[in-house]
Amino acid sequence: MSAPLPRSRAAIALLACGIAAGAATDVLAADPIACELTFAADDWSPHRQAAHGLGHVRCADGSELRVRVSIKGVVRGDAGTPRVRAGAGSFTGVTDPRDVLGGYSVARGDSGPNLLMRKGGVTLTVTGTGDWWAGGGRPGSLVISPR
């Protein structure tokens, strides 16, 4: 058995271990990646109250994902059928391109053309075109899945 370290040496050893552990954590934490989504969702299902379509995610790190998009929306007044002819979105909080996959719910609705949606720590700001979107319709949820 080795002799116990004097208190000052033990404190230095503990401090060095703490610094090394902190450095390891910093190495494991990934930098955020900017990712953009383009999609169209005009295959409306009245039974499921959802529009389905296809999209593409492109990230600043060069990665790309082909995705399926499902938008659940409520038809209100003159908003028309929930079809998005062309949609676009930008993500924040992404550290791996696969972080964009999953279900998003409305975080905050804007009166303008954009809608803020959230899935855990990932945020999606989405906008679209088409009669439904132009008439004030907005998705209540949006699901992005791989294809």
Protein backbone atom coordinates (compact mmCIF):
# COMPACT_ATOMS: atom_id res chain seq x y z
CA MET A 1 0.00 0.00 0.00
CA SER A 2 1.18 3.48 -0.73
CA ALA A 3 1.33 6.13 1.93
CA PRO A 4 -1.59 8.57 2.10
CA LEU A 5 -1.02 11.87 0.38
CA PRO A 6 -0.74 14.97 2.53
CA ARG A 7 -3.92 17.07 2.39
CA SER A 8 -2.48 19.62 0.01
CA ARG A 9 -1.33 16.93 -2.44
CA ALA A 10 -4.69 15.16 -2.14
CA ALA A 11 -6.51 18.39 -2.90
CA ILE A 12 -4.29 18.98 -5.93
CA ALA A 13 -4.95 15.41 -7.14
CA LEU A 14 -8.73 15.86 -6.75
CA LEU A 15 -8.59 19.17 -8.56
CA ALA A 16 -6.61 17.63 -11.42
CA CYS A 17 -9.18 14.80 -11.71
CA GLY A 18 -12.00 17.34 -11.80
CA ILE A 19 -10.29 19.37 -14.51
CA ALA A 20 -9.65 16.23 -16.58
CA ALA A 21 -13.29 15.16 -16.19
CA GLY A 22 -14.46 18.61 -17.28
CA ALA A 23 -12.21 18.50 -20.32
CA ALA A 24 -13.61 15.08 -21.28
CA THR A 25 -17.14 16.48 -21.04
CA ASP A 26 -16.21 19.42 -23.28
CA VAL A 27 -14.78 17.03 -25.89
CA LEU A 28 -18.04 15.02 -25.89
CA ALA A 29 -20.30 18.07 -26.26
CA ALA A 30 -20.92 18.71 -29.96
CA ASP A 31 -21.23 22.10 -31.57
CA PRO A 32 -24.65 23.05 -32.93
CA ILE A 33 -25.28 22.45 -36.63
CA ALA A 34 -27.45 24.72 -38.77
CA CYS A 35 -30.01 22.62 -40.69
CA GLU A 36 -32.74 23.61 -43.16
CA LEU A 37 -35.89 21.74 -44.19
CA THR A 38 -37.77 21.99 -47.50
CA PHE A 39 -40.98 20.02 -48.00
CA ALA A 40 -44.39 19.72 -49.61
CA ALA A 41 -47.35 18.13 -47.81
CA ASP A 42 -50.44 18.12 -49.97
CA ASP A 43 -51.64 14.53 -49.67
CA TRP A 44 -54.56 15.36 -47.33
CA SER A 45 -56.20 12.53 -45.38
CA PRO A 46 -59.62 13.62 -44.03
CA HIS A 47 -59.75 10.45 -41.92
CA ARG A 48 -56.49 11.27 -40.10
CA GLN A 49 -56.90 15.05 -40.38
CA ALA A 50 -53.33 15.25 -41.67
CA ALA A 51 -51.40 16.21 -44.78
CA HIS A 52 -48.50 13.97 -45.76
CA GLY A 53 -45.57 14.66 -48.03
CA LEU A 54 -41.87 14.47 -48.66
CA GLY A 55 -38.99 16.71 -47.72
CA HIS A 56 -35.27 17.19 -47.61
CA VAL A 57 -33.04 18.29 -44.72
CA ARG A 58 -29.68 19.88 -45.50
CA CYS A 59 -27.19 20.71 -42.76
CA ALA A 60 -24.19 23.03 -42.71
CA ASP A 61 -21.88 20.07 -42.05
CA GLY A 62 -22.77 18.72 -45.52
CA SER A 63 -25.13 15.98 -44.36
CA GLU A 64 -28.52 15.50 -46.00
CA LEU A 65 -31.60 13.48 -45.08
CA ARG A 66 -34.55 12.60 -47.26
CA VAL A 67 -37.61 12.69 -45.01
CA ARG A 68 -41.36 12.16 -44.83
CA VAL A 69 -43.45 14.94 -43.33
CA SER A 70 -46.86 14.64 -41.68
CA ILE A 71 -48.77 17.75 -40.62
CA LYS A 72 -51.82 17.56 -38.41
CA GLY A 73 -53.94 20.62 -38.68
CA VAL A 74 -57.35 21.92 -37.89
CA VAL A 75 -59.45 23.33 -40.69
CA ARG A 76 -60.83 26.70 -39.51
CA GLY A 77 -63.23 28.93 -41.37
CA ASP A 78 -61.86 29.88 -44.77
CA ALA A 79 -58.42 28.33 -44.23
CA GLY A 80 -59.23 25.54 -46.71
CA THR A 81 -57.77 22.03 -46.74
CA PRO A 82 -54.44 21.65 -44.88
CA ARG A 83 -52.10 21.39 -47.84
CA VAL A 84 -48.67 22.96 -47.91
CA ARG A 85 -47.51 23.40 -51.51
CA ALA A 86 -44.01 24.45 -50.48
CA GLY A 87 -42.73 24.56 -46.94
CA ALA A 88 -39.43 25.58 -45.43
CA GLY A 89 -37.98 25.51 -41.98
CA SER A 90 -34.81 26.11 -40.04
CA PHE A 91 -33.68 24.23 -36.97
CA THR A 92 -31.76 25.29 -33.87
CA GLY A 93 -30.43 23.02 -31.15
CA VAL A 94 -29.24 20.33 -33.60
CA THR A 95 -25.94 18.58 -32.80
CA ASP A 96 -26.49 15.53 -35.04
CA PRO A 97 -28.52 15.68 -38.26
CA ARG A 98 -30.75 12.86 -36.96
CA ASP A 99 -31.84 15.22 -34.16
CA VAL A 100 -34.35 16.73 -36.62
CA LEU A 101 -36.36 13.48 -36.79
CA GLY A 102 -39.43 13.16 -34.57
CA GLY A 103 -42.61 14.92 -33.59
CA TYR A 104 -42.83 18.69 -33.13
CA SER A 105 -45.56 20.60 -31.36
CA VAL A 106 -46.39 24.28 -31.44
CA ALA A 107 -44.21 26.29 -29.08
CA ARG A 108 -45.56 29.72 -29.97
CA GLY A 109 -47.72 30.86 -32.86
CA ASP A 110 -46.90 34.04 -34.69
CA SER A 111 -49.52 36.12 -36.46
CA GLY A 112 -47.21 36.29 -39.48
CA PRO A 113 -46.14 33.57 -41.87
CA ASN A 114 -43.89 31.68 -39.42
CA LEU A 115 -44.66 29.12 -36.75
CA LEU A 116 -42.31 28.15 -33.93
CA MET A 117 -42.37 24.43 -33.07
CA ARG A 118 -40.38 22.42 -30.54
CA LYS A 119 -39.21 18.86 -29.93
CA GLY A 120 -37.18 18.68 -26.72
CA GLY A 121 -34.16 20.95 -27.18
CA VAL A 122 -34.64 21.25 -30.95
CA THR A 123 -36.61 24.21 -32.32
CA LEU A 124 -38.10 24.42 -35.80
CA THR A 125 -39.27 27.68 -37.34
CA VAL A 126 -41.52 26.69 -40.23
CA THR A 127 -43.42 28.52 -42.96
CA GLY A 128 -45.39 27.40 -45.97
CA THR A 129 -47.41 28.32 -49.02
CA GLY A 130 -50.78 27.16 -50.27
CA ASP A 131 -54.39 28.15 -49.73
CA TRP A 132 -54.54 26.67 -46.23
CA TRP A 133 -51.39 28.44 -44.99
CA ALA A 134 -52.32 31.70 -46.75
CA GLY A 135 -55.79 31.53 -45.11
CA GLY A 136 -54.25 31.43 -41.63
CA GLY A 137 -54.12 27.66 -41.16
CA ARG A 138 -51.19 26.37 -39.12
CA PRO A 139 -50.17 22.86 -38.08
CA GLY A 140 -50.89 21.70 -34.55
CA SER A 141 -48.12 19.12 -34.90
CA LEU A 142 -45.53 18.13 -37.47
CA VAL A 143 -43.73 14.79 -37.66
CA ILE A 144 -40.48 14.29 -39.57
CA SER A 145 -39.43 10.69 -40.25
CA PRO A 146 -36.75 9.11 -42.44
CA ARG A 147 -37.63 7.70 -45.86
